[in-house]
Structures are given as structure tokens and as C-alpha cells.
C-alpha atoms as a PDB file:
ATOM      1  CA  MET A   1      27.820   1.900 -11.138  1.00  0.00           C
ATOM      2  CA  LYS A   2      29.257  -0.177  -8.317  1.00  0.00           C
ATOM      3  CA  PRO A   3      27.881   1.021  -4.963  1.00  0.00           C
ATOM      4  CA  ALA A   4      30.633   1.668  -2.412  1.00  0.00           C
ATOM      5  CA  PHE A   5      29.742   0.916   1.204  1.00  0.00           C
ATOM      6  CA  SER A   6      31.687   3.969   2.374  1.00  0.00           C
ATOM      7  CA  VAL A   7      29.696   6.377   0.194  1.00  0.00           C
ATOM      8  CA  ILE A   8      26.397   4.678   1.069  1.00  0.00           C
ATOM      9  CA  SER A   9      27.209   5.041   4.761  1.00  0.00           C
ATOM     10  CA  PHE A  10      28.316   8.640   4.434  1.00  0.00           C
ATOM     11  CA  THR A  11      25.309   9.877   2.463  1.00  0.00           C
ATOM     12  CA  ALA A  12      22.803   8.023   4.668  1.00  0.00           C
ATOM     13  CA  VAL A  13      24.293   8.808   8.099  1.00  0.00           C
ATOM     14  CA  ALA A  14      25.313  12.396   7.355  1.00  0.00           C
ATOM     15  CA  GLY A  15      21.954  13.063   5.703  1.00  0.00           C
ATOM     16  CA  ALA A  16      20.065  11.901   8.803  1.00  0.00           C
ATOM     17  CA  ALA A  17      22.293  14.070  10.993  1.00  0.00           C
ATOM     18  CA  GLN A  18      21.544  17.073   8.807  1.00  0.00           C
ATOM     19  CA  GLY A  19      17.820  16.346   9.064  1.00  0.00           C
ATOM     20  CA  LEU A  20      18.030  16.195  12.862  1.00  0.00           C
ATOM     21  CA  VAL A  21      19.886  19.524  13.016  1.00  0.00           C
ATOM     22  CA  VAL A  22      17.352  21.120  10.660  1.00  0.00           C
ATOM     23  CA  ALA A  23      14.484  19.915  12.855  1.00  0.00           C
ATOM     24  CA  LEU A  24      16.154  21.446  15.915  1.00  0.00           C
ATOM     25  CA  ALA A  25      16.860  24.714  14.109  1.00  0.00           C
ATOM     26  CA  VAL A  26      13.305  25.094  12.814  1.00  0.00           C
ATOM     27  CA  SER A  27      11.909  24.382  16.275  1.00  0.00           C
ATOM     28  CA  ALA A  28      14.250  26.933  17.843  1.00  0.00           C
ATOM     29  CA  LEU A  29      13.197  29.565  15.319  1.00  0.00           C
ATOM     30  CA  THR A  30       9.459  28.858  15.628  1.00  0.00           C
ATOM     31  CA  GLY A  31       9.364  28.890  19.413  1.00  0.00           C
ATOM     32  CA  VAL A  32       8.916  25.189  20.129  1.00  0.00           C
ATOM     33  CA  PRO A  33      10.119  24.642  23.720  1.00  0.00           C
ATOM     34  CA  LEU A  34      13.399  22.742  23.617  1.00  0.00           C
ATOM     35  CA  SER A  35      14.961  21.701  26.900  1.00  0.00           C
ATOM     36  CA  THR A  36      18.709  22.085  27.364  1.00  0.00           C
ATOM     37  CA  GLY A  37      19.156  18.348  27.901  1.00  0.00           C
ATOM     38  CA  PHE A  38      17.267  17.336  24.778  1.00  0.00           C
ATOM     39  CA  THR A  39      18.886  19.965  22.550  1.00  0.00           C
ATOM     40  CA  SER A  40      22.433  19.186  23.676  1.00  0.00           C
ATOM     41  CA  THR A  41      21.838  15.423  23.381  1.00  0.00           C
ATOM     42  CA  ALA A  42      20.355  15.729  19.897  1.00  0.00           C
ATOM     43  CA  LEU A  43      23.185  17.994  18.723  1.00  0.00           C
ATOM     44  CA  LEU A  44      25.781  15.628  20.178  1.00  0.00           C
ATOM     45  CA  LEU A  45      24.119  12.709  18.402  1.00  0.00           C
ATOM     46  CA  ALA A  46      24.106  14.649  15.132  1.00  0.00           C
ATOM     47  CA  LEU A  47      27.765  15.550  15.572  1.00  0.00           C
ATOM     48  CA  VAL A  48      28.719  11.922  16.226  1.00  0.00           C
ATOM     49  CA  MET A  49      26.782  10.820  13.141  1.00  0.00           C
ATOM     50  CA  LEU A  50      28.509  13.446  11.007  1.00  0.00           C
ATOM     51  CA  ALA A  51      31.873  12.260  12.345  1.00  0.00           C
ATOM     52  CA  VAL A  52      30.976   8.641  11.548  1.00  0.00           C
ATOM     53  CA  GLY A  53      29.954   9.651   8.041  1.00  0.00           C
ATOM     54  CA  LEU A  54      33.191  11.577   7.579  1.00  0.00           C
ATOM     55  CA  ALA A  55      35.212   8.598   8.807  1.00  0.00           C
ATOM     56  CA  ALA A  56      33.335   6.287   6.428  1.00  0.00           C
ATOM     57  CA  SER A  57      34.122   8.577   3.503  1.00  0.00           C
ATOM     58  CA  PHE A  58      37.854   8.115   4.207  1.00  0.00           C
ATOM     59  CA  LEU A  59      37.454   4.420   3.363  1.00  0.00           C
ATOM     60  CA  HIS A  60      36.670   5.448  -0.199  1.00  0.00           C
ATOM     61  CA  LEU A  61      40.086   7.046  -0.660  1.00  0.00           C
ATOM     62  CA  GLY A  62      43.077   5.223  -2.080  1.00  0.00           C
ATOM     63  CA  ARG A  63      45.456   7.377   0.012  1.00  0.00           C
ATOM     64  CA  PRO A  64      43.520   8.600   3.087  1.00  0.00           C
ATOM     65  CA  GLU A  65      46.535  10.523   4.384  1.00  0.00           C
ATOM     66  CA  ARG A  66      46.179  12.844   1.400  1.00  0.00           C
ATOM     67  CA  ALA A  67      42.501  13.586   2.028  1.00  0.00           C
ATOM     68  CA  TRP A  68      43.236  17.242   2.719  1.00  0.00           C
ATOM     69  CA  ARG A  69      44.150  17.667  -0.935  1.00  0.00           C
ATOM     70  CA  ALA A  70      40.508  17.123  -1.862  1.00  0.00           C
ATOM     71  CA  MET A  71      39.896  20.776  -0.944  1.00  0.00           C
ATOM     72  CA  ALA A  72      42.278  22.071  -3.601  1.00  0.00           C
ATOM     73  CA  MET A  73      39.782  22.093  -6.489  1.00  0.00           C
ATOM     74  CA  TRP A  74      36.997  23.996  -4.733  1.00  0.00           C
ATOM     75  CA  ARG A  75      36.587  26.398  -7.679  1.00  0.00           C
ATOM     76  CA  THR A  76      35.346  23.663 -10.019  1.00  0.00           C
ATOM     77  CA  SER A  77      34.682  20.512  -7.982  1.00  0.00           C
ATOM     78  CA  TRP A  78      31.510  19.903  -5.961  1.00  0.00           C
ATOM     79  CA  LEU A  79      33.369  17.187  -4.070  1.00  0.00           C
ATOM     80  CA  SER A  80      35.956  19.722  -2.925  1.00  0.00           C
ATOM     81  CA  ARG A  81      33.193  22.069  -1.853  1.00  0.00           C
ATOM     82  CA  GLU A  82      31.547  19.275   0.120  1.00  0.00           C
ATOM     83  CA  VAL A  83      34.874  18.523   1.817  1.00  0.00           C
ATOM     84  CA  ILE A  84      35.050  22.169   2.923  1.00  0.00           C
ATOM     85  CA  VAL A  85      31.394  22.566   3.940  1.00  0.00           C
ATOM     86  CA  LEU A  86      31.160  19.359   5.998  1.00  0.00           C
ATOM     87  CA  PRO A  87      33.822  20.250   8.644  1.00  0.00           C
ATOM     88  CA  ALA A  88      32.437  23.798   8.797  1.00  0.00           C
ATOM     89  CA  PHE A  89      28.952  22.419   9.436  1.00  0.00           C
ATOM     90  CA  MET A  90      30.322  20.065  12.092  1.00  0.00           C
ATOM     91  CA  ALA A  91      32.050  22.972  13.810  1.00  0.00           C
ATOM     92  CA  MET A  92      28.786  24.902  13.748  1.00  0.00           C
ATOM     93  CA  VAL A  93      26.878  22.011  15.322  1.00  0.00           C
ATOM     94  CA  ALA A  94      29.609  21.543  17.943  1.00  0.00           C
ATOM     95  CA  LEU A  95      29.564  25.255  18.843  1.00  0.00           C
ATOM     96  CA  TRP A  96      25.774  25.287  19.142  1.00  0.00           C
ATOM     97  CA  GLY A  97      25.798  22.170  21.328  1.00  0.00           C
ATOM     98  CA  ALA A  98      28.608  23.466  23.552  1.00  0.00           C
ATOM     99  CA  LEU A  99      26.925  26.815  24.123  1.00  0.00           C
ATOM    100  CA  VAL A 100      23.585  25.197  24.902  1.00  0.00           C
ATOM    101  CA  ARG A 101      25.192  22.731  27.306  1.00  0.00           C
ATOM    102  CA  TRP A 102      27.835  24.847  28.999  1.00  0.00           C
ATOM    103  CA  GLY A 103      27.111  28.442  27.966  1.00  0.00           C
ATOM    104  CA  PRO A 104      26.020  31.077  30.474  1.00  0.00           C
ATOM    105  CA  ALA A 105      22.328  31.279  31.293  1.00  0.00           C
ATOM    106  CA  GLU A 106      22.001  34.802  29.866  1.00  0.00           C
ATOM    107  CA  TRP A 107      23.324  33.573  26.508  1.00  0.00           C
ATOM    108  CA  THR A 108      20.646  30.893  26.237  1.00  0.00           C
ATOM    109  CA  ALA A 109      17.958  33.572  26.136  1.00  0.00           C
ATOM    110  CA  SER A 110      19.887  35.835  23.780  1.00  0.00           C
ATOM    111  CA  ARG A 111      19.231  36.488  20.103  1.00  0.00           C
ATOM    112  CA  ALA A 112      22.323  34.495  19.093  1.00  0.00           C
ATOM    113  CA  ALA A 113      20.968  31.358  20.775  1.00  0.00           C
ATOM    114  CA  THR A 114      17.402  31.643  19.543  1.00  0.00           C
ATOM    115  CA  GLN A 115      18.085  32.840  16.004  1.00  0.00           C
ATOM    116  CA  GLY A 116      21.754  33.217  15.054  1.00  0.00           C
ATOM    117  CA  LEU A 117      23.101  29.683  15.342  1.00  0.00           C
ATOM    118  CA  PRO A 118      19.868  27.958  14.210  1.00  0.00           C
ATOM    119  CA  VAL A 119      19.839  30.083  11.057  1.00  0.00           C
ATOM    120  CA  LEU A 120      23.489  29.253  10.387  1.00  0.00           C
ATOM    121  CA  ALA A 121      22.746  25.564  11.001  1.00  0.00           C
ATOM    122  CA  LEU A 122      19.894  25.666   8.481  1.00  0.00           C
ATOM    123  CA  LEU A 123      22.098  27.326   5.880  1.00  0.00           C
ATOM    124  CA  GLY A 124      24.941  24.895   6.561  1.00  0.00           C
ATOM    125  CA  ALA A 125      22.707  21.827   6.205  1.00  0.00           C
ATOM    126  CA  ALA A 126      21.156  23.151   2.990  1.00  0.00           C
ATOM    127  CA  LEU A 127      24.568  23.950   1.523  1.00  0.00           C
ATOM    128  CA  LEU A 128      25.909  20.509   2.425  1.00  0.00           C
ATOM    129  CA  TRP A 129      22.905  18.796   0.805  1.00  0.00           C
ATOM    130  CA  TRP A 130      23.407  20.975  -2.271  1.00  0.00           C
ATOM    131  CA  CYS A 131      27.089  20.078  -2.563  1.00  0.00           C
ATOM    132  CA  THR A 132      26.487  16.362  -2.012  1.00  0.00           C
ATOM    133  CA  GLY A 133      23.632  16.224  -4.507  1.00  0.00           C
ATOM    134  CA  GLN A 134      25.504  18.232  -7.119  1.00  0.00           C
ATOM    135  CA  ILE A 135      28.401  15.761  -7.046  1.00  0.00           C
ATOM    136  CA  TYR A 136      26.059  13.380  -8.863  1.00  0.00           C
ATOM    137  CA  ALA A 137      23.551  15.721 -10.524  1.00  0.00           C
ATOM    138  CA  CYS A 138      26.328  17.556 -12.406  1.00  0.00           C
ATOM    139  CA  LEU A 139      27.401  14.380 -14.250  1.00  0.00           C
ATOM    140  CA  ARG A 140      25.400  14.880 -17.435  1.00  0.00           C
ATOM    141  CA  PHE A 141      26.605  11.652 -19.024  1.00  0.00           C
ATOM    142  CA  ILE A 142      24.865   9.637 -16.277  1.00  0.00           C
ATOM    143  CA  GLN A 143      21.217  10.333 -17.054  1.00  0.00           C
ATOM    144  CA  GLU A 144      19.882   8.702 -13.873  1.00  0.00           C
ATOM    145  CA  TRP A 145      21.615  11.346 -11.742  1.00  0.00           C
ATOM    146  CA  ALA A 146      21.484  14.419 -13.970  1.00  0.00           C
ATOM    147  CA  HIS A 147      18.105  15.676 -12.744  1.00  0.00           C
ATOM    148  CA  PRO A 148      16.793  18.042 -10.015  1.00  0.00           C
ATOM    149  CA  LEU A 149      15.147  15.067  -8.280  1.00  0.00           C
ATOM    150  CA  THR A 150      18.626  13.923  -7.227  1.00  0.00           C
ATOM    151  CA  LEU A 151      19.128  16.991  -5.054  1.00  0.00           C
ATOM    152  CA  LEU A 152      15.536  16.945  -3.807  1.00  0.00           C
ATOM    153  CA  ASN A 153      15.764  13.295  -2.760  1.00  0.00           C
ATOM    154  CA  PHE A 154      19.014  13.823  -0.862  1.00  0.00           C
ATOM    155  CA  ALA A 155      17.360  16.598   1.146  1.00  0.00           C
ATOM    156  CA  LEU A 156      13.974  14.935   1.699  1.00  0.00           C
ATOM    157  CA  ILE A 157      15.354  11.528   2.680  1.00  0.00           C
ATOM    158  CA  GLY A 158      17.835  13.163   5.054  1.00  0.00           C
ATOM    159  CA  LEU A 159      15.087  15.301   6.572  1.00  0.00           C
ATOM    160  CA  ALA A 160      12.757  12.312   6.954  1.00  0.00           C
ATOM    161  CA  THR A 161      15.352  10.068   8.601  1.00  0.00           C
ATOM    162  CA  GLY A 162      16.530  12.886  10.854  1.00  0.00           C
ATOM    163  CA  LEU A 163      12.990  13.661  12.000  1.00  0.00           C
ATOM    164  CA  VAL A 164      12.193  10.004  12.700  1.00  0.00           C
ATOM    165  CA  LEU A 165      15.381   9.663  14.744  1.00  0.00           C
ATOM    166  CA  GLY A 166      14.585  12.910  16.548  1.00  0.00           C
ATOM    167  CA  CYS A 167      11.082  11.701  17.405  1.00  0.00           C
ATOM    168  CA  ALA A 168      12.478   8.466  18.832  1.00  0.00           C
ATOM    169  CA  LEU A 169      14.942  10.467  20.922  1.00  0.00           C
ATOM    170  CA  ALA A 170      12.206  12.861  22.091  1.00  0.00           C
ATOM    171  CA  ALA A 171       9.968   9.954  23.085  1.00  0.00           C
ATOM    172  CA  THR A 172      12.822   8.354  25.016  1.00  0.00           C
ATOM    173  CA  LEU A 173      13.632  11.563  26.907  1.00  0.00           C
ATOM    174  CA  GLY A 174       9.999  12.380  27.604  1.00  0.00           C
ATOM    175  CA  GLU A 175       9.884  15.526  25.435  1.00  0.00           C
ATOM    176  CA  ARG A 176       6.144  15.454  24.781  1.00  0.00           C
ATOM    177  CA  GLU A 177       5.847  18.925  23.231  1.00  0.00           C
ATOM    178  CA  VAL A 178       8.708  18.281  20.857  1.00  0.00           C
ATOM    179  CA  LEU A 179       7.257  14.902  19.916  1.00  0.00           C
ATOM    180  CA  ALA A 180       3.838  16.438  19.293  1.00  0.00           C
ATOM    181  CA  GLU A 181       5.416  18.973  16.926  1.00  0.00           C
ATOM    182  CA  TRP A 182       7.818  16.646  15.135  1.00  0.00           C
ATOM    183  CA  ALA A 183       5.736  13.489  14.741  1.00  0.00           C
ATOM    184  CA  PRO A 184       3.375  14.786  12.001  1.00  0.00           C
ATOM    185  CA  ARG A 185       6.338  16.394  10.241  1.00  0.00           C
ATOM    186  CA  ALA A 186       8.270  13.120  10.304  1.00  0.00           C
ATOM    187  CA  LEU A 187       5.365  11.267   8.705  1.00  0.00           C
ATOM    188  CA  ALA A 188       4.837  14.009   6.103  1.00  0.00           C
ATOM    189  CA  ALA A 189       8.555  14.148   5.235  1.00  0.00           C
ATOM    190  CA  THR A 190       8.700  10.357   4.875  1.00  0.00           C
ATOM    191  CA  LEU A 191       5.694  10.309   2.535  1.00  0.00           C
ATOM    192  CA  ALA A 192       7.102  13.230   0.534  1.00  0.00           C
ATOM    193  CA  ALA A 193      10.492  11.491   0.218  1.00  0.00           C
ATOM    194  CA  TRP A 194       8.735   8.288  -0.849  1.00  0.00           C
ATOM    195  CA  GLY A 195       6.792  10.163  -3.509  1.00  0.00           C
ATOM    196  CA  THR A 196       9.775  11.952  -5.024  1.00  0.00           C
ATOM    197  CA  ARG A 197      11.957   8.825  -4.903  1.00  0.00           C
ATOM    198  CA  THR A 198       9.224   6.879  -6.680  1.00  0.00           C
ATOM    199  CA  LEU A 199       9.076   9.584  -9.347  1.00  0.00           C
ATOM    200  CA  ALA A 200      12.836   9.329  -9.806  1.00  0.00           C
ATOM    201  CA  LEU A 201      12.711   5.528 -10.092  1.00  0.00           C
ATOM    202  CA  ARG A 202       9.938   5.698 -12.690  1.00  0.00           C
ATOM    203  CA  ARG A 203      11.814   8.352 -14.649  1.00  0.00           C
ATOM    204  CA  ASN A 204      15.009   6.301 -14.634  1.00  0.00           C
ATOM    205  CA  ALA A 205      13.160   3.168 -15.762  1.00  0.00           C
ATOM    206  CA  ARG A 206      11.991   5.016 -18.884  1.00  0.00           C
ATOM    207  CA  LEU A 207      15.408   6.376 -19.842  1.00  0.00           C
ATOM    208  CA  LYS A 208      17.059   5.224 -23.044  1.00  0.00           C
ATOM    209  CA  PRO A 209      20.882   5.319 -23.212  1.00  0.00           C
ATOM    210  CA  LYS A 210      22.206   8.125 -25.388  1.00  0.00           C
ATOM    211  CA  SER A 211      25.400   6.198 -26.076  1.00  0.00           C
ATOM    212  CA  THR A 212      25.552   3.200 -28.381  1.00  0.00           C
ATOM    213  CA  ALA A 213      28.100   0.497 -29.084  1.00  0.00           C
ATOM    214  CA  GLN A 214      29.184   2.587 -32.058  1.00  0.00           C
ATOM    215  CA  SER A 215      29.780   5.745 -30.031  1.00  0.00           C
ATOM    216  CA  ALA A 216      31.435   3.792 -27.198  1.00  0.00           C
ATOM    217  CA  THR A 217      33.957   2.092 -29.489  1.00  0.00           C
ATOM    218  CA  GLY A 218      34.277   4.713 -32.226  1.00  0.00           C
ATOM    219  CA  ILE A 219      33.407   2.163 -34.914  1.00  0.00           C
ATOM    220  CA  PRO A 220      30.797   3.702 -37.275  1.00  0.00           C
ATOM    221  CA  ALA A 221      29.422   0.397 -38.562  1.00  0.00           C
ATOM    222  CA  ALA A 222      25.662   0.141 -39.100  1.00  0.00           C
ATOM    223  CA  ARG A 223      25.561  -3.213 -37.304  1.00  0.00           C
ATOM    224  CA  LEU A 224      28.057  -3.779 -34.504  1.00  0.00           C
ATOM    225  CA  VAL A 225      28.077  -6.946 -32.369  1.00  0.00           C
ATOM    226  CA  GLN A 226      30.362  -7.186 -29.353  1.00  0.00           C
ATOM    227  CA  LYS A 227      31.908 -10.611 -28.813  1.00  0.00           C
ATOM    228  CA  SER A 228      34.026  -9.953 -25.721  1.00  0.00           C
ATOM    229  CA  MET A 229      34.182  -7.599 -22.755  1.00  0.00           C
ATOM    230  CA  GLY A 230      36.944  -5.466 -24.228  1.00  0.00           C
ATOM    231  CA  MET A 231      39.626  -6.786 -21.883  1.00  0.00           C
ATOM    232  CA  SER A 232      41.074 -10.246 -21.368  1.00  0.00           C
ATOM    233  CA  ALA A 233      41.183  -9.871 -17.568  1.00  0.00           C
ATOM    234  CA  GLY A 234      39.528  -7.851 -14.846  1.00  0.00           C
ATOM    235  CA  ALA A 235      40.624  -4.260 -14.349  1.00  0.00           C
ATOM    236  CA  PHE A 236      39.470  -1.038 -12.679  1.00  0.00           C
ATOM    237  CA  ASN A 237      36.979  -0.375 -15.478  1.00  0.00           C
ATOM    238  CA  THR A 238      35.385  -3.799 -15.167  1.00  0.00           C
ATOM    239  CA  ARG A 239      35.108  -3.644 -11.360  1.00  0.00           C
ATOM    240  CA  GLU A 240      34.256  -0.072 -10.372  1.00  0.00           C
ATOM    241  CA  PHE A 241      31.664   0.941 -12.958  1.00  0.00           C
ATOM    242  CA  PHE A 242      29.328  -2.048 -12.787  1.00  0.00           C
ATOM    243  CA  HIS A 243      27.689  -3.662  -9.754  1.00  0.00           C
ATOM    244  CA  GLY A 244      27.441  -7.186 -11.190  1.00  0.00           C
ATOM    245  CA  ALA A 245      24.061  -7.904  -9.562  1.00  0.00           C
ATOM    246  CA  THR A 246      21.314  -9.737 -11.417  1.00  0.00           C
ATOM    247  CA  GLN A 247      18.005  -8.115 -12.337  1.00  0.00           C
ATOM    248  CA  ALA A 248      16.305 -10.346  -9.769  1.00  0.00           C
ATOM    249  CA  ALA A 249      18.597  -9.034  -7.025  1.00  0.00           C
ATOM    250  CA  ILE A 250      17.934  -5.439  -8.089  1.00  0.00           C
ATOM    251  CA  GLY A 251      14.207  -6.158  -7.914  1.00  0.00           C
ATOM    252  CA  HIS A 252      14.570  -7.402  -4.329  1.00  0.00           C
ATOM    253  CA  VAL A 253      16.504  -4.250  -3.383  1.00  0.00           C
ATOM    254  CA  ARG A 254      13.827  -2.066  -4.974  1.00  0.00           C
ATOM    255  CA  ARG A 255      11.091  -3.810  -2.999  1.00  0.00           C
ATOM    256  CA  ALA A 256      13.123  -3.459   0.215  1.00  0.00           C
ATOM    257  CA  LEU A 257      13.549   0.231  -0.549  1.00  0.00           C
ATOM    258  CA  HIS A 258       9.800   0.808  -0.720  1.00  0.00           C
ATOM    259  CA  LEU A 259       8.819  -1.519   2.107  1.00  0.00           C
ATOM    260  CA  LEU A 260      11.534  -0.879   4.688  1.00  0.00           C
ATOM    261  CA  GLY A 261      12.546   2.623   3.719  1.00  0.00           C
ATOM    262  CA  PHE A 262       9.104   4.189   3.530  1.00  0.00           C
ATOM    263  CA  ALA A 263       5.994   2.005   3.836  1.00  0.00           C
ATOM    264  CA  LEU A 264       6.618   0.229   7.160  1.00  0.00           C
ATOM    265  CA  PRO A 265       8.124   3.302   8.868  1.00  0.00           C
ATOM    266  CA  ALA A 266       5.087   5.313   7.780  1.00  0.00           C
ATOM    267  CA  VAL A 267       2.750   2.670   9.217  1.00  0.00           C
ATOM    268  CA  LEU A 268       4.698   2.608  12.498  1.00  0.00           C
ATOM    269  CA  MET A 269       4.682   6.411  12.697  1.00  0.00           C
ATOM    270  CA  ALA A 270       0.949   6.513  12.055  1.00  0.00           C
ATOM    271  CA  ALA A 271       0.499   3.897  14.782  1.00  0.00           C
ATOM    272  CA  ALA A 272       2.577   6.000  17.179  1.00  0.00           C
ATOM    273  CA  LEU A 273       0.472   9.074  16.401  1.00  0.00           C
ATOM    274  CA  TRP A 274      -2.709   7.093  16.966  1.00  0.00           C
ATOM    275  CA  ALA A 275      -1.377   5.633  20.219  1.00  0.00           C
ATOM    276  CA  ALA A 276      -0.540   9.123  21.480  1.00  0.00           C
ATOM    277  CA  SER A 277      -3.995  10.463  20.604  1.00  0.00           C
ATOM    278  CA  ALA A 278      -5.651   7.414  22.196  1.00  0.00           C
ATOM    279  CA  GLY A 279      -3.813   7.984  25.461  1.00  0.00           C
ATOM    280  CA  TYR A 280      -1.519   4.975  25.450  1.00  0.00           C
ATOM    281  CA  GLY A 281       1.556   5.029  27.673  1.00  0.00           C
ATOM    282  CA  PRO A 282       4.962   6.370  26.638  1.00  0.00           C
ATOM    283  CA  THR A 283       6.506   2.886  26.574  1.00  0.00           C
ATOM    284  CA  LEU A 284       4.435   1.798  23.579  1.00  0.00           C
ATOM    285  CA  ILE A 285       4.918   5.111  21.778  1.00  0.00           C
ATOM    286  CA  THR A 286       8.693   5.020  22.303  1.00  0.00           C
ATOM    287  CA  ALA A 287       8.850   1.420  21.091  1.00  0.00           C
ATOM    288  CA  LEU A 288       6.935   2.308  17.916  1.00  0.00           C
ATOM    289  CA  TRP A 289       9.278   5.199  17.114  1.00  0.00           C
ATOM    290  CA  TRP A 290      12.414   3.125  17.637  1.00  0.00           C
ATOM    291  CA  ALA A 291      10.863   0.372  15.526  1.00  0.00           C
ATOM    292  CA  ALA A 292      10.406   2.952  12.769  1.00  0.00           C
ATOM    293  CA  VAL A 293      14.082   3.902  13.079  1.00  0.00           C
ATOM    294  CA  ALA A 294      15.207   0.249  13.026  1.00  0.00           C
ATOM    295  CA  THR A 295      13.066  -0.431   9.961  1.00  0.00           C
ATOM    296  CA  GLN A 296      14.164   2.682   8.122  1.00  0.00           C
ATOM    297  CA  VAL A 297      17.908   2.073   8.493  1.00  0.00           C
ATOM    298  CA  PRO A 298      18.133  -0.958   6.138  1.00  0.00           C
ATOM    299  CA  GLY A 299      15.523   0.620   3.877  1.00  0.00           C
ATOM    300  CA  VAL A 300      17.607   3.757   3.387  1.00  0.00           C
ATOM    301  CA  GLY A 301      20.657   1.549   2.868  1.00  0.00           C
ATOM    302  CA  ALA A 302      18.780  -0.220   0.071  1.00  0.00           C
ATOM    303  CA  GLU A 303      17.737   3.144  -1.381  1.00  0.00           C
ATOM    304  CA  ARG A 304      21.330   4.390  -1.406  1.00  0.00           C
ATOM    305  CA  TRP A 305      22.572   1.126  -2.949  1.00  0.00           C
ATOM    306  CA  LEU A 306      20.021   1.333  -5.757  1.00  0.00           C
ATOM    307  CA  PHE A 307      20.802   5.009  -6.329  1.00  0.00           C
ATOM    308  CA  PHE A 308      24.336   4.035  -7.341  1.00  0.00           C
ATOM    309  CA  ALA A 309      23.554   0.677  -8.938  1.00  0.00           C
ATOM    310  CA  GLN A 310      20.865   2.103 -11.208  1.00  0.00           C
ATOM    311  CA  ALA A 311      23.287   4.611 -12.738  1.00  0.00           C
ATOM    312  CA  ARG A 312      24.507   3.314 -16.098  1.00  0.00           C
ATOM    313  CA  HIS A 313      27.972   4.518 -17.028  1.00  0.00           C
ATOM    314  CA  PRO A 314      28.431   4.746 -20.838  1.00  0.00           C
ATOM    315  CA  GLN A 315      31.777   2.927 -20.621  1.00  0.00           C
ATOM    316  CA  ASN A 316      29.938  -0.265 -19.687  1.00  0.00           C
ATOM    317  CA  LEU A 317      28.781  -0.540 -23.288  1.00  0.00           C
ATOM    318  CA  TYR A 318      32.355  -1.527 -24.073  1.00  0.00           C
ATOM    319  CA  TYR A 319      33.683  -3.096 -20.880  1.00  0.00           C
ATOM    320  CA  GLN A 320      30.629  -5.025 -19.686  1.00  0.00           C
ATOM    321  CA  ALA A 321      28.413  -5.949 -22.607  1.00  0.00           C
ATOM    322  CA  VAL A 322      28.989  -9.399 -24.086  1.00  0.00           C
ATOM    323  CA  SER A 323      26.877 -10.859 -26.887  1.00  0.00           C
END
């Protein structure tokens, strides 16, 4: 498939925002002390990221002014369900942030603040990950996506990137208790995401296409050799269902995925944990966490690109293959 920058941006940015909200919700439910300033700042950051992701998704539409119509098929379409869940989740995050920042003091200590909204935020993030993952996992004719690892990787990568961003923010704002709680979780989530993504890549490398040139063209000949691309000029089918990159380029992206998306961030996180235990100053620790964020951003971009590029659409047997 041809990776679209808008979808890459949406899935990466929105996923990190979901991970940050989940980290906040779990901390609120488990009694980790969260200051009003840190919580409101983190929720505002998550809301901005969700808005950026939503705006990026509009670039993928041929007629953006008709985007509201995407909700119409919610009974059968996972995309329509995602379009409904995303604004609802954003509204939930906005309400939580507004009440934490400007709500009355007695509300902050109430059951709704400590349990109600965090629980709803957890459910909203999980439902949004489910809808986004199912958009691709439900396509049975694309074997690379039609697997439970697709949903798991969306959730784990979003959780890992959200936690790393949250740790960098906590280090910047001097939230030592939050950082102490989140830092090991960020490293564990990153390693878990790396492991499951590696499993998915290995699985996809072993897949054999179920379609053949015979089934793609409807010609039941025992030996079928394709001499042309199926069209005399470029068209939607030749542009949108194949990335056009060489195998060497795909190899470079795969190495960037492992190195920048997981390996180097994990090393930087481990260094930050060691620096904190060794008593180094907050400046070094903050720099290490932001370095992990800066390294992870292009790595996750490479991971998203390969997720789409590795998917082999059966129609390419007819429109792309040339003998």
C-alpha cells in the first residue's frame, strides 16, 4: 500500500496522546500524587495532539467539507465508529482538564475527579485504539493487517510514546514522584511494543500471497506471464495501492524503525533511570528524556510508514507486476 502522510501523522500523534491520557488515568486511580499544574498541562497537551491528529486526517479526504458524512455508516464501518469515538474522547479529555484547572476545590477531592473521569478516559482511549486498529485488522484480504497483533501494536506503541512524552514533561516540571512511577513503565512499554512489533514483522515476512496472477485476472491458464502493468497510463490503482519504494529503501526504513523507534529510546530511558538513581541533577535527566522523545518521533514515523508499505494489496498482482 502507499503510505499517506496524513494517516501516518494521525495514528502516531493521536496514539501518543491516548497513551499520555491513559498514564494520567492509571496514576489517578492508583493514588499517584498528581499536581493540578502537571495534570492540566498534560491533558492540554494530549488534547492539542488529538486535535492535530484530527486535522491531519482531514488531509486524507477528497472533500473535507463532507467529513461529517463519515459517521453515517457507524453500524458496519470501523472508520465511522472511529470518527464518532475520537471527538467524544477529545471532549472527555477537555472536560477532565477544565475541571482540574478551573473546577472548585471540593470537586478535585470528589469521587468523580479521582475515579469517574479517569475511568471514562481509560475506556475512551481503549475504544479509540480498538476502532483504529480494526479499520486495518478487519481487512481479511490484506494478510499483513488481518491479525490480533495489529490492534496490540497500535495500543502498545501509543502507550509507549505517550509514557515517554509524559516522563519528559514530568522531568521538565519537576514532578519527581510522577517521574519515578512512570519511568520504569515507559521503558517496559517500549520494550513490549518493540517485541510485539518484531513478532509482527517476522510473521509478515513469512506470509505467502493467497492470490495469484490467475485469480487476479480471472484467466485460468496453468502458466500465466504478465507483460504489462494492465494500464497504458497511471491511474488511481497504480498510485494509491503501491508505494513504489525499492527493497533497499524498505530495508533502511526497517532499520530506522528498530534503531530510532525502540533501541535508542530504550537506551536513553535506561540512562535516565540510572542517572536518577545515581543522584545526578535534573538537567541531565530532563535532557535524556527529551532526547528519547526526539529519537522516538522519527522512529515511530518509520514504523507507521512500514506498517502501510508492507501491506500487499491483491490488486497489485495485476496493476503493478511486470515481467
